[in-house]
Amino acid sequence: VIALMDDEATLKRYYPEPEKDRVRLHPENEKLEDIFVKDCIIQ
């Protein structure tokens, strides 16, 4: 997805984690770590 958060947009795999009240944005590069946000807007 294209996810918008705080006026910043990124292209990542989208994994909602409602039990943790957050969204995990996963990069497809083993050298990089997941991004965790409380919420984001799917564009």
ModelCIF file with pLDDT and N, C-alpha, C, O atoms, coordinates in Angstrom:
data_MODEL
#
_entry.id   MODEL 
#
_entity.id                         1 
_entity.type                       polymer 
_entity.pdbx_number_of_molecules   1 
#
_entity_poly.entity_id                      1 
_entity_poly.type                           'polypeptide(L)' 
_entity_poly.nstd_linkage                   no 
_entity_poly.nstd_monomer                   no 
_entity_poly.pdbx_seq_one_letter_code       VIALMDDEATLKRYYPEPEKDRVRLHPENEKLEDIFVKDCIIQ 
_entity_poly.pdbx_seq_one_letter_code_can   VIALMDDEATLKRYYPEPEKDRVRLHPENEKLEDIFVKDCIIQ 
_entity_poly.pdbx_strand_id                 A 
#
loop_
_entity_poly_seq.entity_id 
_entity_poly_seq.num 
_entity_poly_seq.mon_id 
_entity_poly_seq.hetero 
1 1  VAL n 
1 2  ILE n 
1 3  ALA n 
1 4  LEU n 
1 5  MET n 
1 6  ASP n 
1 7  ASP n 
1 8  GLU n 
1 9  ALA n 
1 10 THR n 
1 11 LEU n 
1 12 LYS n 
1 13 ARG n 
1 14 TYR n 
1 15 TYR n 
1 16 PRO n 
1 17 GLU n 
1 18 PRO n 
1 19 GLU n 
1 20 LYS n 
1 21 ASP n 
1 22 ARG n 
1 23 VAL n 
1 24 ARG n 
1 25 LEU n 
1 26 HIS n 
1 27 PRO n 
1 28 GLU n 
1 29 ASN n 
1 30 GLU n 
1 31 LYS n 
1 32 LEU n 
1 33 GLU n 
1 34 ASP n 
1 35 ILE n 
1 36 PHE n 
1 37 VAL n 
1 38 LYS n 
1 39 ASP n 
1 40 CYS n 
1 41 ILE n 
1 42 ILE n 
1 43 GLN n 
#
_struct_asym.id          A 
_struct_asym.entity_id   1 
#
loop_
_ma_qa_metric.id 
_ma_qa_metric.mode 
_ma_qa_metric.name 
_ma_qa_metric.software_group_id 
_ma_qa_metric.type 
1 global pLDDT . pLDDT 
2 local  pLDDT . pLDDT 
#
_ma_qa_metric_global.metric_id      1 
_ma_qa_metric_global.metric_value   92.14 
_ma_qa_metric_global.model_id       1 
_ma_qa_metric_global.ordinal_id     1 
#
loop_
_ma_qa_metric_local.label_asym_id 
_ma_qa_metric_local.label_comp_id 
_ma_qa_metric_local.label_seq_id 
_ma_qa_metric_local.metric_id 
_ma_qa_metric_local.metric_value 
_ma_qa_metric_local.model_id 
_ma_qa_metric_local.ordinal_id 
A VAL 1  2 95.00 1 1  
A ILE 2  2 93.00 1 2  
A ALA 3  2 92.00 1 3  
A LEU 4  2 88.00 1 4  
A MET 5  2 84.00 1 5  
A ASP 6  2 78.00 1 6  
A ASP 7  2 75.00 1 7  
A GLU 8  2 81.00 1 8  
A ALA 9  2 85.00 1 9  
A THR 10 2 90.00 1 10 
A LEU 11 2 93.00 1 11 
A LYS 12 2 95.00 1 12 
A ARG 13 2 96.00 1 13 
A TYR 14 2 97.00 1 14 
A TYR 15 2 97.00 1 15 
A PRO 16 2 95.00 1 16 
A GLU 17 2 95.00 1 17 
A PRO 18 2 93.00 1 18 
A GLU 19 2 94.00 1 19 
A LYS 20 2 93.00 1 20 
A ASP 21 2 94.00 1 21 
A ARG 22 2 95.00 1 22 
A VAL 23 2 95.00 1 23 
A ARG 24 2 96.00 1 24 
A LEU 25 2 96.00 1 25 
A HIS 26 2 96.00 1 26 
A PRO 27 2 96.00 1 27 
A GLU 28 2 96.00 1 28 
A ASN 29 2 95.00 1 29 
A GLU 30 2 93.00 1 30 
A LYS 31 2 94.00 1 31 
A LEU 32 2 95.00 1 32 
A GLU 33 2 95.00 1 33 
A ASP 34 2 95.00 1 34 
A ILE 35 2 94.00 1 35 
A PHE 36 2 95.00 1 36 
A VAL 37 2 93.00 1 37 
A LYS 38 2 91.00 1 38 
A ASP 39 2 86.00 1 39 
A CYS 40 2 89.00 1 40 
A ILE 41 2 91.00 1 41 
A ILE 42 2 93.00 1 42 
A GLN 43 2 90.00 1 43 
#
loop_
_atom_site.group_PDB 
_atom_site.id 
_atom_site.type_symbol 
_atom_site.label_atom_id 
_atom_site.label_alt_id 
_atom_site.label_comp_id 
_atom_site.label_asym_id 
_atom_site.label_entity_id 
_atom_site.label_seq_id 
_atom_site.pdbx_PDB_ins_code 
_atom_site.Cartn_x 
_atom_site.Cartn_y 
_atom_site.Cartn_z 
_atom_site.occupancy 
_atom_site.B_iso_or_equiv 
_atom_site.pdbx_formal_charge 
_atom_site.auth_seq_id 
_atom_site.auth_comp_id 
_atom_site.auth_asym_id 
_atom_site.auth_atom_id 
_atom_site.pdbx_PDB_model_num 
ATOM 1   N N  . VAL A 1 1  ? 0.819  -1.203 0.000  1.00 95.00 ? 1  VAL A N  1 
ATOM 2   C CA . VAL A 1 1  ? 0.000  0.000  0.000  1.00 95.00 ? 1  VAL A CA 1 
ATOM 3   C C  . VAL A 1 1  ? 0.858  1.261  0.000  1.00 95.00 ? 1  VAL A C  1 
ATOM 4   O O  . VAL A 1 1  ? 2.042  1.238  0.333  1.00 95.00 ? 1  VAL A O  1 
ATOM 5   N N  . ILE A 1 2  ? 0.219  2.354  -0.384 1.00 93.00 ? 2  ILE A N  1 
ATOM 6   C CA . ILE A 1 2  ? 0.753  3.681  -0.110 1.00 93.00 ? 2  ILE A CA 1 
ATOM 7   C C  . ILE A 1 2  ? 0.103  4.123  1.188  1.00 93.00 ? 2  ILE A C  1 
ATOM 8   O O  . ILE A 1 2  ? -1.108 4.339  1.241  1.00 93.00 ? 2  ILE A O  1 
ATOM 9   N N  . ALA A 1 3  ? 0.906  4.258  2.237  1.00 92.00 ? 3  ALA A N  1 
ATOM 10  C CA . ALA A 1 3  ? 0.393  4.631  3.552  1.00 92.00 ? 3  ALA A CA 1 
ATOM 11  C C  . ALA A 1 3  ? 0.859  6.036  3.888  1.00 92.00 ? 3  ALA A C  1 
ATOM 12  O O  . ALA A 1 3  ? 2.047  6.345  3.787  1.00 92.00 ? 3  ALA A O  1 
ATOM 13  N N  . LEU A 1 4  ? -0.074 6.882  4.287  1.00 88.00 ? 4  LEU A N  1 
ATOM 14  C CA . LEU A 1 4  ? 0.225  8.258  4.653  1.00 88.00 ? 4  LEU A CA 1 
ATOM 15  C C  . LEU A 1 4  ? 0.157  8.396  6.171  1.00 88.00 ? 4  LEU A C  1 
ATOM 16  O O  . LEU A 1 4  ? -0.825 7.999  6.798  1.00 88.00 ? 4  LEU A O  1 
ATOM 17  N N  . MET A 1 5  ? 1.212  8.963  6.752  1.00 84.00 ? 5  MET A N  1 
ATOM 18  C CA . MET A 1 5  ? 1.259  9.167  8.199  1.00 84.00 ? 5  MET A CA 1 
ATOM 19  C C  . MET A 1 5  ? 2.003  10.453 8.490  1.00 84.00 ? 5  MET A C  1 
ATOM 20  O O  . MET A 1 5  ? 3.165  10.607 8.113  1.00 84.00 ? 5  MET A O  1 
ATOM 21  N N  . ASP A 1 6  ? 1.333  11.379 9.161  1.00 78.00 ? 6  ASP A N  1 
ATOM 22  C CA . ASP A 1 6  ? 1.937  12.673 9.495  1.00 78.00 ? 6  ASP A CA 1 
ATOM 23  C C  . ASP A 1 6  ? 2.544  13.347 8.263  1.00 78.00 ? 6  ASP A C  1 
ATOM 24  O O  . ASP A 1 6  ? 3.675  13.831 8.306  1.00 78.00 ? 6  ASP A O  1 
ATOM 25  N N  . ASP A 1 7  ? 1.796  13.374 7.182  1.00 75.00 ? 7  ASP A N  1 
ATOM 26  C CA . ASP A 1 7  ? 2.226  14.007 5.930  1.00 75.00 ? 7  ASP A CA 1 
ATOM 27  C C  . ASP A 1 7  ? 3.437  13.334 5.298  1.00 75.00 ? 7  ASP A C  1 
ATOM 28  O O  . ASP A 1 7  ? 4.117  13.937 4.467  1.00 75.00 ? 7  ASP A O  1 
ATOM 29  N N  . GLU A 1 8  ? 3.708  12.112 5.678  1.00 81.00 ? 8  GLU A N  1 
ATOM 30  C CA . GLU A 1 8  ? 4.772  11.339 5.049  1.00 81.00 ? 8  GLU A CA 1 
ATOM 31  C C  . GLU A 1 8  ? 4.142  10.089 4.440  1.00 81.00 ? 8  GLU A C  1 
ATOM 32  O O  . GLU A 1 8  ? 3.300  9.443  5.063  1.00 81.00 ? 8  GLU A O  1 
ATOM 33  N N  . ALA A 1 9  ? 4.549  9.757  3.239  1.00 85.00 ? 9  ALA A N  1 
ATOM 34  C CA . ALA A 1 9  ? 3.974  8.601  2.563  1.00 85.00 ? 9  ALA A CA 1 
ATOM 35  C C  . ALA A 1 9  ? 5.061  7.574  2.282  1.00 85.00 ? 9  ALA A C  1 
ATOM 36  O O  . ALA A 1 9  ? 6.207  7.924  2.001  1.00 85.00 ? 9  ALA A O  1 
ATOM 37  N N  . THR A 1 10 ? 4.689  6.320  2.360  1.00 90.00 ? 10 THR A N  1 
ATOM 38  C CA . THR A 1 10 ? 5.653  5.259  2.095  1.00 90.00 ? 10 THR A CA 1 
ATOM 39  C C  . THR A 1 10 ? 4.961  4.071  1.456  1.00 90.00 ? 10 THR A C  1 
ATOM 40  O O  . THR A 1 10 ? 3.759  3.866  1.627  1.00 90.00 ? 10 THR A O  1 
ATOM 41  N N  . LEU A 1 11 ? 5.729  3.300  0.726  1.00 93.00 ? 11 LEU A N  1 
ATOM 42  C CA . LEU A 1 11 ? 5.229  2.106  0.048  1.00 93.00 ? 11 LEU A CA 1 
ATOM 43  C C  . LEU A 1 11 ? 5.690  0.888  0.839  1.00 93.00 ? 11 LEU A C  1 
ATOM 44  O O  . LEU A 1 11 ? 6.887  0.605  0.898  1.00 93.00 ? 11 LEU A O  1 
ATOM 45  N N  . LYS A 1 12 ? 4.751  0.166  1.445  1.00 95.00 ? 12 LYS A N  1 
ATOM 46  C CA . LYS A 1 12 ? 5.096  -0.969 2.310  1.00 95.00 ? 12 LYS A CA 1 
ATOM 47  C C  . LYS A 1 12 ? 3.967  -2.005 2.290  1.00 95.00 ? 12 LYS A C  1 
ATOM 48  O O  . LYS A 1 12 ? 2.862  -1.734 1.821  1.00 95.00 ? 12 LYS A O  1 
ATOM 49  N N  . ARG A 1 13 ? 4.270  -3.187 2.806  1.00 96.00 ? 13 ARG A N  1 
ATOM 50  C CA . ARG A 1 13 ? 3.209  -4.170 3.045  1.00 96.00 ? 13 ARG A CA 1 
ATOM 51  C C  . ARG A 1 13 ? 2.462  -3.771 4.313  1.00 96.00 ? 13 ARG A C  1 
ATOM 52  O O  . ARG A 1 13 ? 3.049  -3.296 5.285  1.00 96.00 ? 13 ARG A O  1 
ATOM 53  N N  . TYR A 1 14 ? 1.160  -3.979 4.271  1.00 97.00 ? 14 TYR A N  1 
ATOM 54  C CA . TYR A 1 14 ? 0.257  -3.492 5.312  1.00 97.00 ? 14 TYR A CA 1 
ATOM 55  C C  . TYR A 1 14 ? -0.207 -4.638 6.203  1.00 97.00 ? 14 TYR A C  1 
ATOM 56  O O  . TYR A 1 14 ? -0.806 -5.607 5.739  1.00 97.00 ? 14 TYR A O  1 
ATOM 57  N N  . TYR A 1 15 ? 0.087  -4.502 7.500  1.00 97.00 ? 15 TYR A N  1 
ATOM 58  C CA . TYR A 1 15 ? -0.342 -5.503 8.478  1.00 97.00 ? 15 TYR A CA 1 
ATOM 59  C C  . TYR A 1 15 ? -0.978 -4.810 9.677  1.00 97.00 ? 15 TYR A C  1 
ATOM 60  O O  . TYR A 1 15 ? -0.266 -4.346 10.568 1.00 97.00 ? 15 TYR A O  1 
ATOM 61  N N  . PRO A 1 16 ? -2.305 -4.733 9.714  1.00 95.00 ? 16 PRO A N  1 
ATOM 62  C CA . PRO A 1 16 ? -2.947 -4.142 10.893 1.00 95.00 ? 16 PRO A CA 1 
ATOM 63  C C  . PRO A 1 16 ? -2.793 -5.072 12.098 1.00 95.00 ? 16 PRO A C  1 
ATOM 64  O O  . PRO A 1 16 ? -2.905 -6.291 11.962 1.00 95.00 ? 16 PRO A O  1 
ATOM 65  N N  . GLU A 1 17 ? -2.535 -4.496 13.276 1.00 95.00 ? 17 GLU A N  1 
ATOM 66  C CA . GLU A 1 17 ? -2.400 -5.259 14.510 1.00 95.00 ? 17 GLU A CA 1 
ATOM 67  C C  . GLU A 1 17 ? -3.325 -4.647 15.557 1.00 95.00 ? 17 GLU A C  1 
ATOM 68  O O  . GLU A 1 17 ? -2.865 -3.990 16.491 1.00 95.00 ? 17 GLU A O  1 
ATOM 69  N N  . PRO A 1 18 ? -4.634 -4.865 15.399 1.00 93.00 ? 18 PRO A N  1 
ATOM 70  C CA . PRO A 1 18 ? -5.605 -4.217 16.302 1.00 93.00 ? 18 PRO A CA 1 
ATOM 71  C C  . PRO A 1 18 ? -5.428 -4.608 17.764 1.00 93.00 ? 18 PRO A C  1 
ATOM 72  O O  . PRO A 1 18 ? -5.737 -3.822 18.660 1.00 93.00 ? 18 PRO A O  1 
ATOM 73  N N  . GLU A 1 19 ? -4.931 -5.824 18.009 1.00 94.00 ? 19 GLU A N  1 
ATOM 74  C CA . GLU A 1 19 ? -4.749 -6.244 19.395 1.00 94.00 ? 19 GLU A CA 1 
ATOM 75  C C  . GLU A 1 19 ? -3.670 -5.413 20.098 1.00 94.00 ? 19 GLU A C  1 
ATOM 76  O O  . GLU A 1 19 ? -3.641 -5.329 21.325 1.00 94.00 ? 19 GLU A O  1 
ATOM 77  N N  . LYS A 1 20 ? -2.782 -4.801 19.300 1.00 93.00 ? 20 LYS A N  1 
ATOM 78  C CA . LYS A 1 20 ? -1.731 -3.941 19.861 1.00 93.00 ? 20 LYS A CA 1 
ATOM 79  C C  . LYS A 1 20 ? -2.005 -2.464 19.559 1.00 93.00 ? 20 LYS A C  1 
ATOM 80  O O  . LYS A 1 20 ? -1.180 -1.593 19.834 1.00 93.00 ? 20 LYS A O  1 
ATOM 81  N N  . ASP A 1 21 ? -3.180 -2.210 18.990 1.00 94.00 ? 21 ASP A N  1 
ATOM 82  C CA . ASP A 1 21 ? -3.589 -0.854 18.657 1.00 94.00 ? 21 ASP A CA 1 
ATOM 83  C C  . ASP A 1 21 ? -2.549 -0.153 17.788 1.00 94.00 ? 21 ASP A C  1 
ATOM 84  O O  . ASP A 1 21 ? -2.140 0.971  18.075 1.00 94.00 ? 21 ASP A O  1 
ATOM 85  N N  . ARG A 1 22 ? -2.126 -0.838 16.715 1.00 95.00 ? 22 ARG A N  1 
ATOM 86  C CA . ARG A 1 22 ? -1.125 -0.260 15.836 1.00 95.00 ? 22 ARG A CA 1 
ATOM 87  C C  . ARG A 1 22 ? -1.191 -0.915 14.462 1.00 95.00 ? 22 ARG A C  1 
ATOM 88  O O  . ARG A 1 22 ? -1.912 -1.890 14.251 1.00 95.00 ? 22 ARG A O  1 
ATOM 89  N N  . VAL A 1 23 ? -0.422 -0.355 13.538 1.00 95.00 ? 23 VAL A N  1 
ATOM 90  C CA . VAL A 1 23 ? -0.283 -0.909 12.193 1.00 95.00 ? 23 VAL A CA 1 
ATOM 91  C C  . VAL A 1 23 ? 1.201  -1.171 11.957 1.00 95.00 ? 23 VAL A C  1 
ATOM 92  O O  . VAL A 1 23 ? 2.052  -0.342 12.278 1.00 95.00 ? 23 VAL A O  1 
ATOM 93  N N  . ARG A 1 24 ? 1.492  -2.339 11.391 1.00 96.00 ? 24 ARG A N  1 
ATOM 94  C CA . ARG A 1 24 ? 2.874  -2.665 11.049 1.00 96.00 ? 24 ARG A CA 1 
ATOM 95  C C  . ARG A 1 24 ? 3.056  -2.511 9.545  1.00 96.00 ? 24 ARG A C  1 
ATOM 96  O O  . ARG A 1 24 ? 2.332  -3.126 8.761  1.00 96.00 ? 24 ARG A O  1 
ATOM 97  N N  . LEU A 1 25 ? 4.013  -1.697 9.146  1.00 96.00 ? 25 LEU A N  1 
ATOM 98  C CA . LEU A 1 25 ? 4.347  -1.488 7.744  1.00 96.00 ? 25 LEU A CA 1 
ATOM 99  C C  . LEU A 1 25 ? 5.668  -2.192 7.481  1.00 96.00 ? 25 LEU A C  1 
ATOM 100 O O  . LEU A 1 25 ? 6.711  -1.828 8.026  1.00 96.00 ? 25 LEU A O  1 
ATOM 101 N N  . HIS A 1 26 ? 5.594  -3.211 6.630  1.00 96.00 ? 26 HIS A N  1 
ATOM 102 C CA . HIS A 1 26 ? 6.724  -4.130 6.465  1.00 96.00 ? 26 HIS A CA 1 
ATOM 103 C C  . HIS A 1 26 ? 7.478  -3.870 5.160  1.00 96.00 ? 26 HIS A C  1 
ATOM 104 O O  . HIS A 1 26 ? 6.876  -3.924 4.088  1.00 96.00 ? 26 HIS A O  1 
ATOM 105 N N  . PRO A 1 27 ? 8.787  -3.590 5.230  1.00 96.00 ? 27 PRO A N  1 
ATOM 106 C CA . PRO A 1 27 ? 9.597  -3.445 4.021  1.00 96.00 ? 27 PRO A CA 1 
ATOM 107 C C  . PRO A 1 27 ? 10.022 -4.812 3.499  1.00 96.00 ? 27 PRO A C  1 
ATOM 108 O O  . PRO A 1 27 ? 10.245 -5.738 4.278  1.00 96.00 ? 27 PRO A O  1 
ATOM 109 N N  . GLU A 1 28 ? 10.135 -4.935 2.181  1.00 96.00 ? 28 GLU A N  1 
ATOM 110 C CA . GLU A 1 28 ? 10.613 -6.180 1.578  1.00 96.00 ? 28 GLU A CA 1 
ATOM 111 C C  . GLU A 1 28 ? 12.112 -6.073 1.331  1.00 96.00 ? 28 GLU A C  1 
ATOM 112 O O  . GLU A 1 28 ? 12.587 -6.154 0.198  1.00 96.00 ? 28 GLU A O  1 
ATOM 113 N N  . ASN A 1 29 ? 12.843 -5.887 2.433  1.00 95.00 ? 29 ASN A N  1 
ATOM 114 C CA . ASN A 1 29 ? 14.304 -5.809 2.407  1.00 95.00 ? 29 ASN A CA 1 
ATOM 115 C C  . ASN A 1 29 ? 14.774 -6.257 3.785  1.00 95.00 ? 29 ASN A C  1 
ATOM 116 O O  . ASN A 1 29 ? 14.497 -5.599 4.788  1.00 95.00 ? 29 ASN A O  1 
ATOM 117 N N  . GLU A 1 30 ? 15.481 -7.375 3.830  1.00 93.00 ? 30 GLU A N  1 
ATOM 118 C CA . GLU A 1 30 ? 15.863 -7.965 5.109  1.00 93.00 ? 30 GLU A CA 1 
ATOM 119 C C  . GLU A 1 30 ? 16.793 -7.072 5.923  1.00 93.00 ? 30 GLU A C  1 
ATOM 120 O O  . GLU A 1 30 ? 16.988 -7.312 7.115  1.00 93.00 ? 30 GLU A O  1 
ATOM 121 N N  . LYS A 1 31 ? 17.358 -6.065 5.311  1.00 94.00 ? 31 LYS A N  1 
ATOM 122 C CA . LYS A 1 31 ? 18.250 -5.166 6.037  1.00 94.00 ? 31 LYS A CA 1 
ATOM 123 C C  . LYS A 1 31 ? 17.494 -4.082 6.799  1.00 94.00 ? 31 LYS A C  1 
ATOM 124 O O  . LYS A 1 31 ? 18.072 -3.382 7.630  1.00 94.00 ? 31 LYS A O  1 
ATOM 125 N N  . LEU A 1 32 ? 16.208 -3.948 6.513  1.00 95.00 ? 32 LEU A N  1 
ATOM 126 C CA . LEU A 1 32 ? 15.409 -2.888 7.119  1.00 95.00 ? 32 LEU A CA 1 
ATOM 127 C C  . LEU A 1 32 ? 14.391 -3.451 8.093  1.00 95.00 ? 32 LEU A C  1 
ATOM 128 O O  . LEU A 1 32 ? 13.954 -4.593 7.951  1.00 95.00 ? 32 LEU A O  1 
ATOM 129 N N  . GLU A 1 33 ? 14.016 -2.660 9.072  1.00 95.00 ? 33 GLU A N  1 
ATOM 130 C CA . GLU A 1 33 ? 13.079 -3.081 10.106 1.00 95.00 ? 33 GLU A CA 1 
ATOM 131 C C  . GLU A 1 33 ? 11.678 -2.581 9.798  1.00 95.00 ? 33 GLU A C  1 
ATOM 132 O O  . GLU A 1 33 ? 11.487 -1.627 9.043  1.00 95.00 ? 33 GLU A O  1 
ATOM 133 N N  . ASP A 1 34 ? 10.708 -3.248 10.401 1.00 95.00 ? 34 ASP A N  1 
ATOM 134 C CA . ASP A 1 34 ? 9.326  -2.834 10.256 1.00 95.00 ? 34 ASP A CA 1 
ATOM 135 C C  . ASP A 1 34 ? 9.117  -1.449 10.858 1.00 95.00 ? 34 ASP A C  1 
ATOM 136 O O  . ASP A 1 34 ? 9.835  -1.029 11.766 1.00 95.00 ? 34 ASP A O  1 
ATOM 137 N N  . ILE A 1 35 ? 8.118  -0.753 10.329 1.00 94.00 ? 35 ILE A N  1 
ATOM 138 C CA . ILE A 1 35 ? 7.697  0.533  10.869 1.00 94.00 ? 35 ILE A CA 1 
ATOM 139 C C  . ILE A 1 35 ? 6.375  0.324  11.589 1.00 94.00 ? 35 ILE A C  1 
ATOM 140 O O  . ILE A 1 35 ? 5.453  -0.277 11.038 1.00 94.00 ? 35 ILE A O  1 
ATOM 141 N N  . PHE A 1 36 ? 6.278  0.815  12.813 1.00 95.00 ? 36 PHE A N  1 
ATOM 142 C CA . PHE A 1 36 ? 5.054  0.683  13.592 1.00 95.00 ? 36 PHE A CA 1 
ATOM 143 C C  . PHE A 1 36 ? 4.436  2.062  13.795 1.00 95.00 ? 36 PHE A C  1 
ATOM 144 O O  . PHE A 1 36 ? 5.101  2.994  14.247 1.00 95.00 ? 36 PHE A O  1 
ATOM 145 N N  . VAL A 1 37 ? 3.168  2.175  13.457 1.00 93.00 ? 37 VAL A N  1 
ATOM 146 C CA . VAL A 1 37 ? 2.450  3.438  13.650 1.00 93.00 ? 37 VAL A CA 1 
ATOM 147 C C  . VAL A 1 37 ? 1.118  3.150  14.316 1.00 93.00 ? 37 VAL A C  1 
ATOM 148 O O  . VAL A 1 37 ? 0.550  2.068  14.168 1.00 93.00 ? 37 VAL A O  1 
ATOM 149 N N  . LYS A 1 38 ? 0.630  4.137  15.052 1.00 91.00 ? 38 LYS A N  1 
ATOM 150 C CA . LYS A 1 38 ? -0.662 3.954  15.707 1.00 91.00 ? 38 LYS A CA 1 
ATOM 151 C C  . LYS A 1 38 ? -1.789 3.910  14.691 1.00 91.00 ? 38 LYS A C  1 
ATOM 152 O O  . LYS A 1 38 ? -2.775 3.188  14.843 1.00 91.00 ? 38 LYS A O  1 
ATOM 153 N N  . ASP A 1 39 ? -1.606 4.705  13.652 1.00 86.00 ? 39 ASP A N  1 
ATOM 154 C CA . ASP A 1 39 ? -2.629 4.739  12.606 1.00 86.00 ? 39 ASP A CA 1 
ATOM 155 C C  . ASP A 1 39 ? -2.004 5.302  11.339 1.00 86.00 ? 39 ASP A C  1 
ATOM 156 O O  . ASP A 1 39 ? -0.982 5.986  11.391 1.00 86.00 ? 39 ASP A O  1 
ATOM 157 N N  . CYS A 1 40 ? -2.612 5.017  10.222 1.00 89.00 ? 40 CYS A N  1 
ATOM 158 C CA . CYS A 1 40 ? -2.157 5.578  8.952  1.00 89.00 ? 40 CYS A CA 1 
ATOM 159 C C  . CYS A 1 40 ? -3.342 5.625  7.998  1.00 89.00 ? 40 CYS A C  1 
ATOM 160 O O  . CYS A 1 40 ? -4.346 4.942  8.199  1.00 89.00 ? 40 CYS A O  1 
ATOM 161 N N  . ILE A 1 41 ? -3.210 6.423  6.980  1.00 91.00 ? 41 ILE A N  1 
ATOM 162 C CA . ILE A 1 41 ? -4.255 6.564  5.969  1.00 91.00 ? 41 ILE A CA 1 
ATOM 163 C C  . ILE A 1 41 ? -3.818 5.813  4.712  1.00 91.00 ? 41 ILE A C  1 
ATOM 164 O O  . ILE A 1 41 ? -2.757 6.088  4.152  1.00 91.00 ? 41 ILE A O  1 
ATOM 165 N N  . ILE A 1 42 ? -4.633 4.877  4.282  1.00 93.00 ? 42 ILE A N  1 
ATOM 166 C CA . ILE A 1 42 ? -4.356 4.144  3.053  1.00 93.00 ? 42 ILE A CA 1 
ATOM 167 C C  . ILE A 1 42 ? -4.786 4.996  1.868  1.00 93.00 ? 42 ILE A C  1 
ATOM 168 O O  . ILE A 1 42 ? -5.942 5.410  1.779  1.00 93.00 ? 42 ILE A O  1 
ATOM 169 N N  . GLN A 1 43 ? -3.857 5.253  0.964  1.00 90.00 ? 43 GLN A N  1 
ATOM 170 C CA . GLN A 1 43 ? -4.174 6.051  -0.220 1.00 90.00 ? 43 GLN A CA 1 
ATOM 171 C C  . GLN A 1 43 ? -4.378 5.194  -1.459 1.00 90.00 ? 43 GLN A C  1 
ATOM 172 O O  . GLN A 1 43 ? -4.652 5.721  -2.537 1.00 90.00 ? 43 GLN A O  1 
#
